[in-house]
PDB file of N, CA and C in Angstrom:
ATOM      1  N   MET A   1       5.891  79.127-147.216  1.00  0.00           N
ATOM      2  CA  MET A   1       4.852  78.377-146.540  1.00  0.00           C
ATOM      3  C   MET A   1       4.987  76.908-146.913  1.00  0.00           C
ATOM      4  N   ALA A   2       4.899  76.059-145.941  1.00  0.00           N
ATOM      5  CA  ALA A   2       5.014  74.619-146.164  1.00  0.00           C
ATOM      6  C   ALA A   2       3.749  74.079-146.828  1.00  0.00           C
ATOM      7  N   LEU A   3       3.937  73.068-147.634  1.00  0.00           N
ATOM      8  CA  LEU A   3       2.830  72.420-148.322  1.00  0.00           C
ATOM      9  C   LEU A   3       2.218  71.360-147.416  1.00  0.00           C
ATOM     10  N   ASP A   4       0.911  71.440-147.203  1.00  0.00           N
ATOM     11  CA  ASP A   4       0.185  70.412-146.458  1.00  0.00           C
ATOM     12  C   ASP A   4      -0.382  69.420-147.468  1.00  0.00           C
ATOM     13  N   ILE A   5       0.003  68.155-147.336  1.00  0.00           N
ATOM     14  CA  ILE A   5      -0.484  67.116-148.239  1.00  0.00           C
ATOM     15  C   ILE A   5      -1.385  66.177-147.448  1.00  0.00           C
ATOM     16  N   VAL A   6      -2.615  66.019-147.925  1.00  0.00           N
ATOM     17  CA  VAL A   6      -3.600  65.186-147.250  1.00  0.00           C
ATOM     18  C   VAL A   6      -4.010  64.064-148.196  1.00  0.00           C
ATOM     19  N   GLY A   7      -3.940  62.835-147.719  1.00  0.00           N
ATOM     20  CA  GLY A   7      -4.404  61.691-148.497  1.00  0.00           C
ATOM     21  C   GLY A   7      -5.731  61.211-147.946  1.00  0.00           C
ATOM     22  N   LYS A   8      -6.763  61.253-148.751  1.00  0.00           N
ATOM     23  CA  LYS A   8      -8.092  60.803-148.324  1.00  0.00           C
ATOM     24  C   LYS A   8      -8.249  59.334-148.714  1.00  0.00           C
ATOM     25  N   ALA A   9      -8.186  58.441-147.705  1.00  0.00           N
ATOM     26  CA  ALA A   9      -8.235  56.989-147.925  1.00  0.00           C
ATOM     27  C   ALA A   9      -7.155  56.574-148.914  1.00  0.00           C
ATOM     28  N   PHE A  10      -5.977  57.189-148.752  1.00  0.00           N
ATOM     29  CA  PHE A  10      -4.894  57.021-149.707  1.00  0.00           C
ATOM     30  C   PHE A  10      -3.585  57.262-148.969  1.00  0.00           C
ATOM     31  N   ASP A  11      -2.632  56.349-149.098  1.00  0.00           N
ATOM     32  CA  ASP A  11      -1.339  56.520-148.441  1.00  0.00           C
ATOM     33  C   ASP A  11      -0.436  57.412-149.285  1.00  0.00           C
ATOM     34  N   VAL A  12       0.049  58.485-148.682  1.00  0.00           N
ATOM     35  CA  VAL A  12       0.942  59.410-149.372  1.00  0.00           C
ATOM     36  C   VAL A  12       2.378  58.987-149.073  1.00  0.00           C
ATOM     37  N   THR A  13       3.090  58.566-150.103  1.00  0.00           N
ATOM     38  CA  THR A  13       4.464  58.095-149.934  1.00  0.00           C
ATOM     39  C   THR A  13       5.435  59.268-149.965  1.00  0.00           C
ATOM     40  N   ASP A  14       6.676  58.993-149.581  1.00  0.00           N
ATOM     41  CA  ASP A  14       7.706  60.028-149.620  1.00  0.00           C
ATOM     42  C   ASP A  14       7.971  60.488-151.048  1.00  0.00           C
ATOM     43  N   ALA A  15       7.875  59.576-152.010  1.00  0.00           N
ATOM     44  CA  ALA A  15       8.089  59.936-153.414  1.00  0.00           C
ATOM     45  C   ALA A  15       7.007  60.901-153.901  1.00  0.00           C
ATOM     46  N   ILE A  16       5.769  60.672-153.483  1.00  0.00           N
ATOM     47  CA  ILE A  16       4.675  61.570-153.863  1.00  0.00           C
ATOM     48  C   ILE A  16       4.878  62.935-153.218  1.00  0.00           C
ATOM     49  N   LYS A  17       5.291  62.953-151.948  1.00  0.00           N
ATOM     50  CA  LYS A  17       5.559  64.222-151.263  1.00  0.00           C
ATOM     51  C   LYS A  17       6.671  64.990-151.960  1.00  0.00           C
ATOM     52  N   ALA A  18       7.733  64.291-152.352  1.00  0.00           N
ATOM     53  CA  ALA A  18       8.853  64.941-153.034  1.00  0.00           C
ATOM     54  C   ALA A  18       8.409  65.514-154.376  1.00  0.00           C
ATOM     55  N   HIS A  19       7.606  64.761-155.116  1.00  0.00           N
ATOM     56  CA  HIS A  19       7.109  65.244-156.408  1.00  0.00           C
ATOM     57  C   HIS A  19       6.214  66.471-156.221  1.00  0.00           C
ATOM     58  N   ALA A  20       5.345  66.431-155.223  1.00  0.00           N
ATOM     59  CA  ALA A  20       4.443  67.556-154.965  1.00  0.00           C
ATOM     60  C   ALA A  20       5.232  68.800-154.561  1.00  0.00           C
ATOM     61  N   ASP A  21       6.229  68.644-153.695  1.00  0.00           N
ATOM     62  CA  ASP A  21       7.053  69.787-153.291  1.00  0.00           C
ATOM     63  C   ASP A  21       7.778  70.392-154.484  1.00  0.00           C
ATOM     64  N   LYS A  22       8.290  69.534-155.357  1.00  0.00           N
ATOM     65  CA  LYS A  22       8.997  70.020-156.541  1.00  0.00           C
ATOM     66  C   LYS A  22       8.039  70.757-157.476  1.00  0.00           C
ATOM     67  N   ALA A  23       6.844  70.208-157.682  1.00  0.00           N
ATOM     68  CA  ALA A  23       5.861  70.827-158.564  1.00  0.00           C
ATOM     69  C   ALA A  23       5.384  72.166-158.009  1.00  0.00           C
ATOM     70  N   VAL A  24       5.134  72.230-156.710  1.00  0.00           N
ATOM     71  CA  VAL A  24       4.651  73.463-156.082  1.00  0.00           C
ATOM     72  C   VAL A  24       5.748  74.527-156.049  1.00  0.00           C
ATOM     73  N   GLY A  25       6.996  74.108-156.078  1.00  0.00           N
ATOM     74  CA  GLY A  25       8.106  75.053-156.117  1.00  0.00           C
ATOM     75  C   GLY A  25       8.044  75.980-157.317  1.00  0.00           C
ATOM     76  N   LYS A  26       7.318  75.577-158.343  1.00  0.00           N
ATOM     77  CA  LYS A  26       7.140  76.398-159.540  1.00  0.00           C
ATOM     78  C   LYS A  26       6.458  77.729-159.206  1.00  0.00           C
ATOM     79  N   LEU A  27       5.599  77.725-158.176  1.00  0.00           N
ATOM     80  CA  LEU A  27       4.893  78.955-157.789  1.00  0.00           C
ATOM     81  C   LEU A  27       5.838  80.018-157.235  1.00  0.00           C
ATOM     82  N   SER A  28       6.987  79.608-156.718  1.00  0.00           N
ATOM     83  CA  SER A  28       7.923  80.576-156.149  1.00  0.00           C
ATOM     84  C   SER A  28       8.476  81.509-157.221  1.00  0.00           C
ATOM     85  N   LYS A  29       8.424  81.110-158.482  1.00  0.00           N
ATOM     86  CA  LYS A  29       8.875  81.973-159.578  1.00  0.00           C
ATOM     87  C   LYS A  29       8.005  83.219-159.700  1.00  0.00           C
ATOM     88  N   LEU A  30       6.742  83.098-159.298  1.00  0.00           N
ATOM     89  CA  LEU A  30       5.804  84.210-159.426  1.00  0.00           C
ATOM     90  C   LEU A  30       5.925  85.217-158.288  1.00  0.00           C
ATOM     91  N   LYS A  31       6.644  84.862-157.241  1.00  0.00           N
ATOM     92  CA  LYS A  31       6.893  85.751-156.100  1.00  0.00           C
ATOM     93  C   LYS A  31       5.600  86.264-155.473  1.00  0.00           C
ATOM     94  N   VAL A  32       4.750  85.328-155.060  1.00  0.00           N
ATOM     95  CA  VAL A  32       3.526  85.668-154.337  1.00  0.00           C
ATOM     96  C   VAL A  32       3.638  85.113-152.926  1.00  0.00           C
ATOM     97  N   ASP A  33       2.941  85.744-151.995  1.00  0.00           N
ATOM     98  CA  ASP A  33       2.944  85.297-150.603  1.00  0.00           C
ATOM     99  C   ASP A  33       1.849  84.254-150.400  1.00  0.00           C
ATOM    100  N   LEU A  34       2.246  83.059-149.998  1.00  0.00           N
ATOM    101  CA  LEU A  34       1.289  81.988-149.744  1.00  0.00           C
ATOM    102  C   LEU A  34       0.937  81.963-148.266  1.00  0.00           C
ATOM    103  N   SER A  35      -0.361  82.029-147.960  1.00  0.00           N
ATOM    104  CA  SER A  35      -0.773  81.928-146.569  1.00  0.00           C
ATOM    105  C   SER A  35      -1.481  80.600-146.300  1.00  0.00           C
ATOM    106  N   TYR A  36      -1.911  79.924-147.351  1.00  0.00           N
ATOM    107  CA  TYR A  36      -2.598  78.634-147.224  1.00  0.00           C
ATOM    108  C   TYR A  36      -2.229  77.820-148.453  1.00  0.00           C
ATOM    109  N   ASN A  37      -1.741  76.608-148.242  1.00  0.00           N
ATOM    110  CA  ASN A  37      -1.172  75.833-149.332  1.00  0.00           C
ATOM    111  C   ASN A  37      -1.461  74.354-149.070  1.00  0.00           C
ATOM    112  N   THR A  38      -2.539  73.805-149.649  1.00  0.00           N
ATOM    113  CA  THR A  38      -2.943  72.440-149.342  1.00  0.00           C
ATOM    114  C   THR A  38      -3.197  71.637-150.615  1.00  0.00           C
ATOM    115  N   LEU A  39      -2.696  70.413-150.608  1.00  0.00           N
ATOM    116  CA  LEU A  39      -2.914  69.478-151.706  1.00  0.00           C
ATOM    117  C   LEU A  39      -3.608  68.242-151.142  1.00  0.00           C
ATOM    118  N   ALA A  40      -4.807  67.946-151.643  1.00  0.00           N
ATOM    119  CA  ALA A  40      -5.564  66.774-151.195  1.00  0.00           C
ATOM    120  C   ALA A  40      -5.569  65.738-152.313  1.00  0.00           C
ATOM    121  N   LEU A  41      -5.205  64.512-151.962  1.00  0.00           N
ATOM    122  CA  LEU A  41      -5.146  63.420-152.937  1.00  0.00           C
ATOM    123  C   LEU A  41      -6.170  62.356-152.579  1.00  0.00           C
ATOM    124  N   LYS A  42      -6.855  61.847-153.595  1.00  0.00           N
ATOM    125  CA  LYS A  42      -7.784  60.745-153.355  1.00  0.00           C
ATOM    126  C   LYS A  42      -7.880  59.882-154.606  1.00  0.00           C
ATOM    127  N   LYS A  43      -8.302  58.661-154.400  1.00  0.00           N
ATOM    128  CA  LYS A  43      -8.476  57.711-155.502  1.00  0.00           C
ATOM    129  C   LYS A  43      -9.962  57.610-155.787  1.00  0.00           C
ATOM    130  N   ASP A  44     -10.332  57.830-157.050  1.00  0.00           N
ATOM    131  CA  ASP A  44     -11.730  57.783-157.464  1.00  0.00           C
ATOM    132  C   ASP A  44     -11.860  56.760-158.589  1.00  0.00           C
ATOM    133  N   GLY A  45     -12.155  55.533-158.228  1.00  0.00           N
ATOM    134  CA  GLY A  45     -12.217  54.467-159.227  1.00  0.00           C
ATOM    135  C   GLY A  45     -10.821  54.168-159.753  1.00  0.00           C
ATOM    136  N   ALA A  46     -10.644  54.314-161.058  1.00  0.00           N
ATOM    137  CA  ALA A  46      -9.336  54.075-161.672  1.00  0.00           C
ATOM    138  C   ALA A  46      -8.483  55.337-161.701  1.00  0.00           C
ATOM    139  N   ASN A  47      -9.058  56.477-161.346  1.00  0.00           N
ATOM    140  CA  ASN A  47      -8.353  57.756-161.440  1.00  0.00           C
ATOM    141  C   ASN A  47      -7.890  58.261-160.082  1.00  0.00           C
ATOM    142  N   TYR A  48      -6.828  59.053-160.129  1.00  0.00           N
ATOM    143  CA  TYR A  48      -6.364  59.787-158.959  1.00  0.00           C
ATOM    144  C   TYR A  48      -6.821  61.230-159.126  1.00  0.00           C
ATOM    145  N   VAL A  49      -7.322  61.810-158.058  1.00  0.00           N
ATOM    146  CA  VAL A  49      -7.795  63.191-158.082  1.00  0.00           C
ATOM    147  C   VAL A  49      -6.935  64.007-157.126  1.00  0.00           C
ATOM    148  N   SER A  50      -6.358  65.086-157.644  1.00  0.00           N
ATOM    149  CA  SER A  50      -5.554  66.000-156.837  1.00  0.00           C
ATOM    150  C   SER A  50      -6.270  67.336-156.788  1.00  0.00           C
ATOM    151  N   GLU A  51      -6.576  67.799-155.592  1.00  0.00           N
ATOM    152  CA  GLU A  51      -7.221  69.098-155.412  1.00  0.00           C
ATOM    153  C   GLU A  51      -6.233  70.010-154.711  1.00  0.00           C
ATOM    154  N   TYR A  52      -5.846  71.072-155.390  1.00  0.00           N
ATOM    155  CA  TYR A  52      -4.831  71.982-154.871  1.00  0.00           C
ATOM    156  C   TYR A  52      -5.487  73.323-154.581  1.00  0.00           C
ATOM    157  N   GLU A  53      -5.315  73.792-153.354  1.00  0.00           N
ATOM    158  CA  GLU A  53      -5.945  75.033-152.904  1.00  0.00           C
ATOM    159  C   GLU A  53      -4.875  75.958-152.341  1.00  0.00           C
ATOM    160  N   VAL A  54      -4.895  77.214-152.796  1.00  0.00           N
ATOM    161  CA  VAL A  54      -3.874  78.182-152.404  1.00  0.00           C
ATOM    162  C   VAL A  54      -4.536  79.506-152.044  1.00  0.00           C
ATOM    163  N   GLN A  55      -4.095  80.100-150.951  1.00  0.00           N
ATOM    164  CA  GLN A  55      -4.496  81.459-150.588  1.00  0.00           C
ATOM    165  C   GLN A  55      -3.251  82.323-150.695  1.00  0.00           C
ATOM    166  N   THR A  56      -3.307  83.354-151.513  1.00  0.00           N
ATOM    167  CA  THR A  56      -2.162  84.249-151.702  1.00  0.00           C
ATOM    168  C   THR A  56      -2.581  85.676-151.402  1.00  0.00           C
ATOM    169  N   ASN A  57      -1.618  86.575-151.541  1.00  0.00           N
ATOM    170  CA  ASN A  57      -1.934  87.989-151.380  1.00  0.00           C
ATOM    171  C   ASN A  57      -2.802  88.491-152.541  1.00  0.00           C
ATOM    172  N   LEU A  58      -2.948  87.701-153.606  1.00  0.00           N
ATOM    173  CA  LEU A  58      -3.772  88.071-154.759  1.00  0.00           C
ATOM    174  C   LEU A  58      -5.192  87.526-154.666  1.00  0.00           C
ATOM    175  N   GLY A  59      -5.406  86.546-153.797  1.00  0.00           N
ATOM    176  CA  GLY A  59      -6.732  85.952-153.665  1.00  0.00           C
ATOM    177  C   GLY A  59      -6.658  84.454-153.427  1.00  0.00           C
ATOM    178  N   HIS A  60      -7.805  83.819-153.544  1.00  0.00           N
ATOM    179  CA  HIS A  60      -7.948  82.382-153.301  1.00  0.00           C
ATOM    180  C   HIS A  60      -8.028  81.664-154.650  1.00  0.00           C
ATOM    181  N   PHE A  61      -7.269  80.570-154.785  1.00  0.00           N
ATOM    182  CA  PHE A  61      -7.239  79.820-156.031  1.00  0.00           C
ATOM    183  C   PHE A  61      -7.452  78.335-155.737  1.00  0.00           C
ATOM    184  N   PHE A  62      -8.153  77.656-156.653  1.00  0.00           N
ATOM    185  CA  PHE A  62      -8.434  76.229-156.501  1.00  0.00           C
ATOM    186  C   PHE A  62      -8.356  75.560-157.865  1.00  0.00           C
ATOM    187  N   ALA A  63      -7.762  74.359-157.895  1.00  0.00           N
ATOM    188  CA  ALA A  63      -7.708  73.594-159.141  1.00  0.00           C
ATOM    189  C   ALA A  63      -7.769  72.108-158.822  1.00  0.00           C
ATOM    190  N   ARG A  64      -8.288  71.355-159.778  1.00  0.00           N
ATOM    191  CA  ARG A  64      -8.400  69.907-159.626  1.00  0.00           C
ATOM    192  C   ARG A  64      -7.753  69.246-160.837  1.00  0.00           C
ATOM    193  N   GLY A  65      -6.919  68.267-160.561  1.00  0.00           N
ATOM    194  CA  GLY A  65      -6.301  67.479-161.623  1.00  0.00           C
ATOM    195  C   GLY A  65      -6.725  66.033-161.492  1.00  0.00           C
ATOM    196  N   THR A  66      -7.078  65.406-162.611  1.00  0.00           N
ATOM    197  CA  THR A  66      -7.524  64.017-162.605  1.00  0.00           C
ATOM    198  C   THR A  66      -6.773  63.240-163.674  1.00  0.00           C
ATOM    199  N   ASP A  67      -6.225  62.093-163.279  1.00  0.00           N
ATOM    200  CA  ASP A  67      -5.517  61.247-164.233  1.00  0.00           C
ATOM    201  C   ASP A  67      -5.386  59.843-163.642  1.00  0.00           C
ATOM    202  N   THR A  68      -5.032  58.888-164.484  1.00  0.00           N
ATOM    203  CA  THR A  68      -4.811  57.528-163.996  1.00  0.00           C
ATOM    204  C   THR A  68      -3.478  57.414-163.268  1.00  0.00           C
ATOM    205  N   ASP A  69      -2.599  58.401-163.463  1.00  0.00           N
ATOM    206  CA  ASP A  69      -1.304  58.446-162.784  1.00  0.00           C
ATOM    207  C   ASP A  69      -1.344  59.546-161.724  1.00  0.00           C
ATOM    208  N   CYS A  70      -1.001  59.206-160.505  1.00  0.00           N
ATOM    209  CA  CYS A  70      -1.045  60.157-159.391  1.00  0.00           C
ATOM    210  C   CYS A  70      -0.139  61.362-159.638  1.00  0.00           C
ATOM    211  N   TYR A  71       1.052  61.119-160.160  1.00  0.00           N
ATOM    212  CA  TYR A  71       2.019  62.192-160.385  1.00  0.00           C
ATOM    213  C   TYR A  71       1.523  63.175-161.443  1.00  0.00           C
ATOM    214  N   VAL A  72       0.901  62.667-162.483  1.00  0.00           N
ATOM    215  CA  VAL A  72       0.362  63.526-163.540  1.00  0.00           C
ATOM    216  C   VAL A  72      -0.791  64.369-163.005  1.00  0.00           C
ATOM    217  N   SER A  73      -1.625  63.787-162.148  1.00  0.00           N
ATOM    218  CA  SER A  73      -2.745  64.553-161.594  1.00  0.00           C
ATOM    219  C   SER A  73      -2.249  65.690-160.703  1.00  0.00           C
ATOM    220  N   ILE A  74      -1.174  65.451-159.950  1.00  0.00           N
ATOM    221  CA  ILE A  74      -0.585  66.504-159.113  1.00  0.00           C
ATOM    222  C   ILE A  74      -0.038  67.620-159.991  1.00  0.00           C
ATOM    223  N   THR A  75       0.730  67.254-161.003  1.00  0.00           N
ATOM    224  CA  THR A  75       1.316  68.243-161.904  1.00  0.00           C
ATOM    225  C   THR A  75       0.235  69.041-162.614  1.00  0.00           C
ATOM    226  N   ASP A  76      -0.840  68.379-163.024  1.00  0.00           N
ATOM    227  CA  ASP A  76      -1.946  69.046-163.705  1.00  0.00           C
ATOM    228  C   ASP A  76      -2.597  70.096-162.806  1.00  0.00           C
ATOM    229  N   ALA A  77      -2.868  69.745-161.564  1.00  0.00           N
ATOM    230  CA  ALA A  77      -3.495  70.688-160.628  1.00  0.00           C
ATOM    231  C   ALA A  77      -2.580  71.878-160.352  1.00  0.00           C
ATOM    232  N   VAL A  78      -1.293  71.620-160.154  1.00  0.00           N
ATOM    233  CA  VAL A  78      -0.347  72.703-159.870  1.00  0.00           C
ATOM    234  C   VAL A  78      -0.210  73.622-161.082  1.00  0.00           C
ATOM    235  N   ASN A  79      -0.164  73.057-162.284  1.00  0.00           N
ATOM    236  CA  ASN A  79      -0.064  73.881-163.491  1.00  0.00           C
ATOM    237  C   ASN A  79      -1.290  74.770-163.670  1.00  0.00           C
ATOM    238  N   LYS A  80      -2.467  74.256-163.314  1.00  0.00           N
ATOM    239  CA  LYS A  80      -3.683  75.066-163.402  1.00  0.00           C
ATOM    240  C   LYS A  80      -3.620  76.246-162.433  1.00  0.00           C
ATOM    241  N   ILE A  81      -3.157  76.002-161.219  1.00  0.00           N
ATOM    242  CA  ILE A  81      -3.013  77.090-160.237  1.00  0.00           C
ATOM    243  C   ILE A  81      -1.987  78.102-160.729  1.00  0.00           C
ATOM    244  N   TYR A  82      -0.875  77.609-161.255  1.00  0.00           N
ATOM    245  CA  TYR A  82       0.180  78.491-161.766  1.00  0.00           C
ATOM    246  C   TYR A  82      -0.387  79.434-162.833  1.00  0.00           C
ATOM    247  N   GLU A  83      -1.170  78.894-163.758  1.00  0.00           N
ATOM    248  CA  GLU A  83      -1.753  79.720-164.817  1.00  0.00           C
ATOM    249  C   GLU A  83      -2.758  80.726-164.253  1.00  0.00           C
ATOM    250  N   GLN A  84      -3.550  80.322-163.256  1.00  0.00           N
ATOM    251  CA  GLN A  84      -4.515  81.241-162.649  1.00  0.00           C
ATOM    252  C   GLN A  84      -3.807  82.410-161.970  1.00  0.00           C
ATOM    253  N   VAL A  85      -2.761  82.100-161.197  1.00  0.00           N
ATOM    254  CA  VAL A  85      -2.023  83.144-160.480  1.00  0.00           C
ATOM    255  C   VAL A  85      -1.303  84.049-161.472  1.00  0.00           C
ATOM    256  N   LYS A  86      -0.714  83.459-162.498  1.00  0.00           N
ATOM    257  CA  LYS A  86       0.004  84.242-163.512  1.00  0.00           C
ATOM    258  C   LYS A  86      -0.953  85.191-164.235  1.00  0.00           C
ATOM    259  N   LYS A  87      -2.153  84.707-164.566  1.00  0.00           N
ATOM    260  CA  LYS A  87      -3.149  85.539-165.233  1.00  0.00           C
ATOM    261  C   LYS A  87      -3.565  86.710-164.341  1.00  0.00           C
ATOM    262  N   LYS A  88      -3.756  86.430-163.049  1.00  0.00           N
ATOM    263  CA  LYS A  88      -4.135  87.487-162.104  1.00  0.00           C
ATOM    264  C   LYS A  88      -3.024  88.525-161.982  1.00  0.00           C
ATOM    265  N   LEU A  89      -1.772  88.069-161.918  1.00  0.00           N
ATOM    266  CA  LEU A  89      -0.638  88.991-161.848  1.00  0.00           C
ATOM    267  C   LEU A  89      -0.560  89.866-163.093  1.00  0.00           C
ATOM    268  N   ASP A  90      -0.754  89.262-164.261  1.00  0.00           N
ATOM    269  CA  ASP A  90      -0.714  90.023-165.509  1.00  0.00           C
ATOM    270  C   ASP A  90      -1.810  91.078-165.549  1.00  0.00           C
ATOM    271  N   LYS A  91      -2.994  90.736-165.043  1.00  0.00           N
ATOM    272  CA  LYS A  91      -4.088  91.708-165.015  1.00  0.00           C
ATOM    273  C   LYS A  91      -3.752  92.888-164.107  1.00  0.00           C
ATOM    274  N   LEU A  92      -3.104  92.608-162.981  1.00  0.00           N
ATOM    275  CA  LEU A  92      -2.761  93.683-162.056  1.00  0.00           C
ATOM    276  C   LEU A  92      -1.622  94.545-162.582  1.00  0.00           C
ATOM    277  N   GLN A  93      -0.680  93.939-163.289  1.00  0.00           N
ATOM    278  CA  GLN A  93       0.467  94.682-163.802  1.00  0.00           C
ATOM    279  C   GLN A  93       0.135  95.455-165.069  1.00  0.00           C
ATOM    280  N   HIS A  94      -0.820  94.962-165.856  1.00  0.00           N
ATOM    281  CA  HIS A  94      -1.182  95.599-167.115  1.00  0.00           C
ATOM    282  C   HIS A  94      -2.693  95.788-167.181  1.00  0.00           C
ATOM    283  N   PRO A  95      -3.209  96.749-166.428  1.00  0.00           N
ATOM    284  CA  PRO A  95      -4.665  96.938-166.443  1.00  0.00           C
ATOM    285  C   PRO A  95      -5.134  97.441-167.812  1.00  0.00           C
ATOM    286  N   THR A  96      -6.367  97.124-168.142  1.00  0.00           N
ATOM    287  CA  THR A  96      -6.911  97.582-169.416  1.00  0.00           C
ATOM    288  C   THR A  96      -7.132  99.083-169.350  1.00  0.00           C
ATOM    289  N   ARG A  97      -7.096  99.684-170.497  1.00  0.00           N
ATOM    290  CA  ARG A  97      -7.302 101.132-170.540  1.00  0.00           C
ATOM    291  C   ARG A  97      -8.753 101.474-170.232  1.00  0.00           C
ATOM    292  N   GLU A  98      -8.938 102.618-169.631  1.00  0.00           N
ATOM    293  CA  GLU A  98     -10.293 103.059-169.337  1.00  0.00           C
ATOM    294  C   GLU A  98     -10.976 103.478-170.627  1.00  0.00           C
ATOM    295  N   LYS A  99     -12.265 103.244-170.686  1.00  0.00           N
ATOM    296  CA  LYS A  99     -13.015 103.617-171.877  1.00  0.00           C
ATOM    297  C   LYS A  99     -13.220 105.127-171.889  1.00  0.00           C
ATOM    298  N   VAL A 100     -12.987 105.703-173.033  1.00  0.00           N
ATOM    299  CA  VAL A 100     -13.160 107.142-173.198  1.00  0.00           C
ATOM    300  C   VAL A 100     -14.357 107.357-174.113  1.00  0.00           C
ATOM    301  N   GLU A 101     -15.275 108.178-173.658  1.00  0.00           N
ATOM    302  CA  GLU A 101     -16.446 108.457-174.481  1.00  0.00           C
ATOM    303  C   GLU A 101     -16.084 109.515-175.510  1.00  0.00           C
ATOM    304  N   LEU A 102     -16.433 109.246-176.748  1.00  0.00           N
ATOM    305  CA  LEU A 102     -16.155 110.184-177.831  1.00  0.00           C
ATOM    306  C   LEU A 102     -17.361 111.086-178.037  1.00  0.00           C
ATOM    307  N   GLU A 103     -17.071 112.363-178.208  1.00  0.00           N
ATOM    308  CA  GLU A 103     -18.155 113.311-178.466  1.00  0.00           C
ATOM    309  C   GLU A 103     -18.364 113.417-179.965  1.00  0.00           C
ATOM    310  N   ALA A 104     -19.607 113.477-180.380  1.00  0.00           N
ATOM    311  CA  ALA A 104     -19.913 113.529-181.816  1.00  0.00           C
ATOM    312  C   ALA A 104     -19.841 114.925-182.351  1.00  0.00           C
TER     313      ALA A 104
END
């Protein structure tokens, strides 16, 4: 699925697009199906805010990265999504054991 990059009152350069594509490529390691993949960038005072939203076969995930550097905020948001998806995958692959009631 292609990454949709939206700049809110912010010009998205080719370098930013290339960095975002490279960062989002990390999700392909997890082998999940992406049906919705959007990165929204905006400037909030001195900070850049990156909001990354993903819909996968595992569910809906959202993360926000904030930093004074646009590239760091993108990487931060993508890393948060990566950890959320990885945690969900681990839960599905290794479910907790069912509680067994002990008789006295």
